[in-house]
């Protein structure tokens, strides 16, 4: 599972030491910022490793969102958090993901199915590497 840790570290290092303003800078016509990406990755870490893999309910703050009214809630609210808070959210989600996968083999099936049916830890890891990349 070292490659997932590599791409996690790349994002964390790219964002380390940036100001709130720097985390909100967009490129070209995109609304994506590093701050929005940090918050999105914190959400998808919890979604795939806690909700799908383990079958747990999503932890706060994800349960407070009205996902139907605001499908990009995690990204739309990123500017409300300081760089330290965004970093802590991502670090905490990664720690929960590492705990969720400890001791599991790549062929371990998730408690919940993914978009195409039964989902293995291998599939989740590959998907998460794609998300980070």
Protein backbone atom coordinates (compact mmCIF):
# COMPACT_ATOMS: atom_id res chain seq x y z
CA UNK A 1 0.00 0.00 0.00
CA UNK A 2 2.99 2.28 -0.31
CA UNK A 3 1.90 4.04 -3.52
CA UNK A 4 -1.28 5.38 -1.90
CA UNK A 5 0.91 6.78 0.86
CA UNK A 6 3.16 8.38 -1.75
CA UNK A 7 0.31 10.26 -3.46
CA UNK A 8 -1.13 11.25 -0.08
CA UNK A 9 2.24 12.69 0.88
CA UNK A 10 2.57 14.58 -2.41
CA UNK A 11 -0.67 16.49 -1.77
CA UNK A 12 0.19 17.14 1.85
CA UNK A 13 3.65 18.47 0.95
CA UNK A 14 2.31 20.66 -1.89
CA UNK A 15 -0.08 22.33 0.57
CA UNK A 16 2.24 22.60 3.57
CA UNK A 17 3.01 26.17 4.54
CA UNK A 18 0.58 27.77 2.09
CA UNK A 19 -1.61 30.63 3.29
CA UNK A 20 -5.41 30.59 3.15
CA UNK A 21 -5.22 32.86 0.11
CA UNK A 22 -2.77 30.57 -1.66
CA UNK A 23 -5.01 27.55 -0.97
CA UNK A 24 -7.87 29.38 -2.74
CA UNK A 25 -6.02 30.22 -5.97
CA UNK A 26 -7.55 28.67 -9.09
CA UNK A 27 -5.91 27.85 -12.39
CA UNK A 28 -7.53 28.98 -15.63
CA UNK A 29 -11.33 28.59 -15.66
CA UNK A 30 -11.42 25.83 -13.06
CA UNK A 31 -12.95 26.26 -9.61
CA UNK A 32 -10.54 23.67 -8.21
CA UNK A 33 -8.08 24.93 -5.62
CA UNK A 34 -5.62 23.13 -3.39
CA UNK A 35 -7.86 23.88 -0.40
CA UNK A 36 -10.90 22.40 -2.16
CA UNK A 37 -8.81 19.39 -3.14
CA UNK A 38 -7.62 18.85 0.45
CA UNK A 39 -11.18 18.87 1.76
CA UNK A 40 -12.42 16.65 -1.07
CA UNK A 41 -9.71 14.10 -0.39
CA UNK A 42 -10.56 14.09 3.32
CA UNK A 43 -14.15 13.29 2.35
CA UNK A 44 -13.31 10.55 -0.16
CA UNK A 45 -10.86 8.93 2.29
CA UNK A 46 -13.72 8.60 4.78
CA UNK A 47 -16.24 7.62 2.10
CA UNK A 48 -14.25 4.80 0.56
CA UNK A 49 -12.42 3.43 3.57
CA UNK A 50 -14.94 3.97 6.38
CA UNK A 51 -18.31 3.97 4.62
CA UNK A 52 -17.74 1.52 1.75
CA UNK A 53 -14.93 -0.73 3.02
CA UNK A 54 -15.92 -1.04 6.67
CA UNK A 55 -19.63 -0.34 6.34
CA UNK A 56 -19.51 2.35 9.03
CA UNK A 57 -21.52 5.54 8.87
CA UNK A 58 -19.62 8.61 7.72
CA UNK A 59 -18.06 10.58 10.57
CA UNK A 60 -18.72 14.27 11.16
CA UNK A 61 -18.69 16.68 9.43
CA UNK A 62 -19.83 14.71 6.38
CA UNK A 63 -23.14 13.71 7.97
CA UNK A 64 -24.19 17.34 8.36
CA UNK A 65 -24.15 18.04 4.61
CA UNK A 66 -27.23 18.27 2.42
CA UNK A 67 -25.62 16.43 -0.48
CA UNK A 68 -28.76 16.67 -2.64
CA UNK A 69 -28.87 20.46 -2.39
CA UNK A 70 -25.10 20.93 -2.63
CA UNK A 71 -23.35 17.92 -4.25
CA UNK A 72 -19.91 19.56 -3.91
CA UNK A 73 -20.48 20.61 -0.29
CA UNK A 74 -17.08 19.44 0.93
CA UNK A 75 -15.34 21.58 -1.69
CA UNK A 76 -17.74 24.53 -1.53
CA UNK A 77 -17.08 24.90 2.21
CA UNK A 78 -13.28 24.55 2.05
CA UNK A 79 -12.66 28.31 2.18
CA UNK A 80 -14.31 28.41 5.63
CA UNK A 81 -11.33 26.58 7.13
CA UNK A 82 -7.80 27.71 7.92
CA UNK A 83 -4.87 25.93 6.29
CA UNK A 84 -4.17 24.19 9.63
CA UNK A 85 -7.78 22.98 9.87
CA UNK A 86 -7.77 21.69 6.29
CA UNK A 87 -4.49 19.89 6.93
CA UNK A 88 -5.83 18.38 10.14
CA UNK A 89 -9.01 17.19 8.40
CA UNK A 90 -6.97 15.46 5.71
CA UNK A 91 -4.44 14.01 8.17
CA UNK A 92 -7.23 12.68 10.41
CA UNK A 93 -9.07 11.11 7.48
CA UNK A 94 -5.85 9.45 6.25
CA UNK A 95 -5.20 8.10 9.76
CA UNK A 96 -8.72 6.63 9.86
CA UNK A 97 -8.16 5.07 6.42
CA UNK A 98 -4.88 3.51 7.50
CA UNK A 99 -6.56 2.07 10.59
CA UNK A 100 -9.41 0.73 8.43
CA UNK A 101 -7.04 -1.14 6.11
CA UNK A 102 -4.62 -2.46 8.73
CA UNK A 103 -4.21 -6.19 8.33
CA UNK A 104 -6.55 -6.50 5.35
CA UNK A 105 -5.52 -8.24 2.15
CA UNK A 106 -6.01 -6.65 -1.25
CA UNK A 107 -8.79 -9.11 -2.10
CA UNK A 108 -10.78 -8.24 1.04
CA UNK A 109 -14.33 -7.39 -0.03
CA UNK A 110 -15.92 -4.17 1.16
CA UNK A 111 -19.00 -4.22 3.37
CA UNK A 112 -20.85 -2.10 0.81
CA UNK A 113 -20.84 -2.52 -2.94
CA UNK A 114 -19.27 0.05 -5.21
CA UNK A 115 -20.74 1.42 -8.44
CA UNK A 116 -20.22 -1.89 -10.28
CA UNK A 117 -21.06 -4.37 -7.54
CA UNK A 118 -18.82 -6.02 -4.93
CA UNK A 119 -15.71 -3.94 -4.33
CA UNK A 120 -12.32 -5.14 -3.11
CA UNK A 121 -9.73 -3.22 -1.16
CA UNK A 122 -7.54 -3.45 -4.28
CA UNK A 123 -10.21 -1.61 -6.33
CA UNK A 124 -10.63 1.05 -3.64
CA UNK A 125 -6.88 1.65 -3.45
CA UNK A 126 -6.58 2.01 -7.22
CA UNK A 127 -9.55 4.36 -7.28
CA UNK A 128 -8.03 6.46 -4.49
CA UNK A 129 -4.71 6.68 -6.32
CA UNK A 130 -6.69 7.98 -9.32
CA UNK A 131 -8.46 10.50 -7.08
CA UNK A 132 -5.16 11.85 -5.75
CA UNK A 133 -3.52 11.82 -9.18
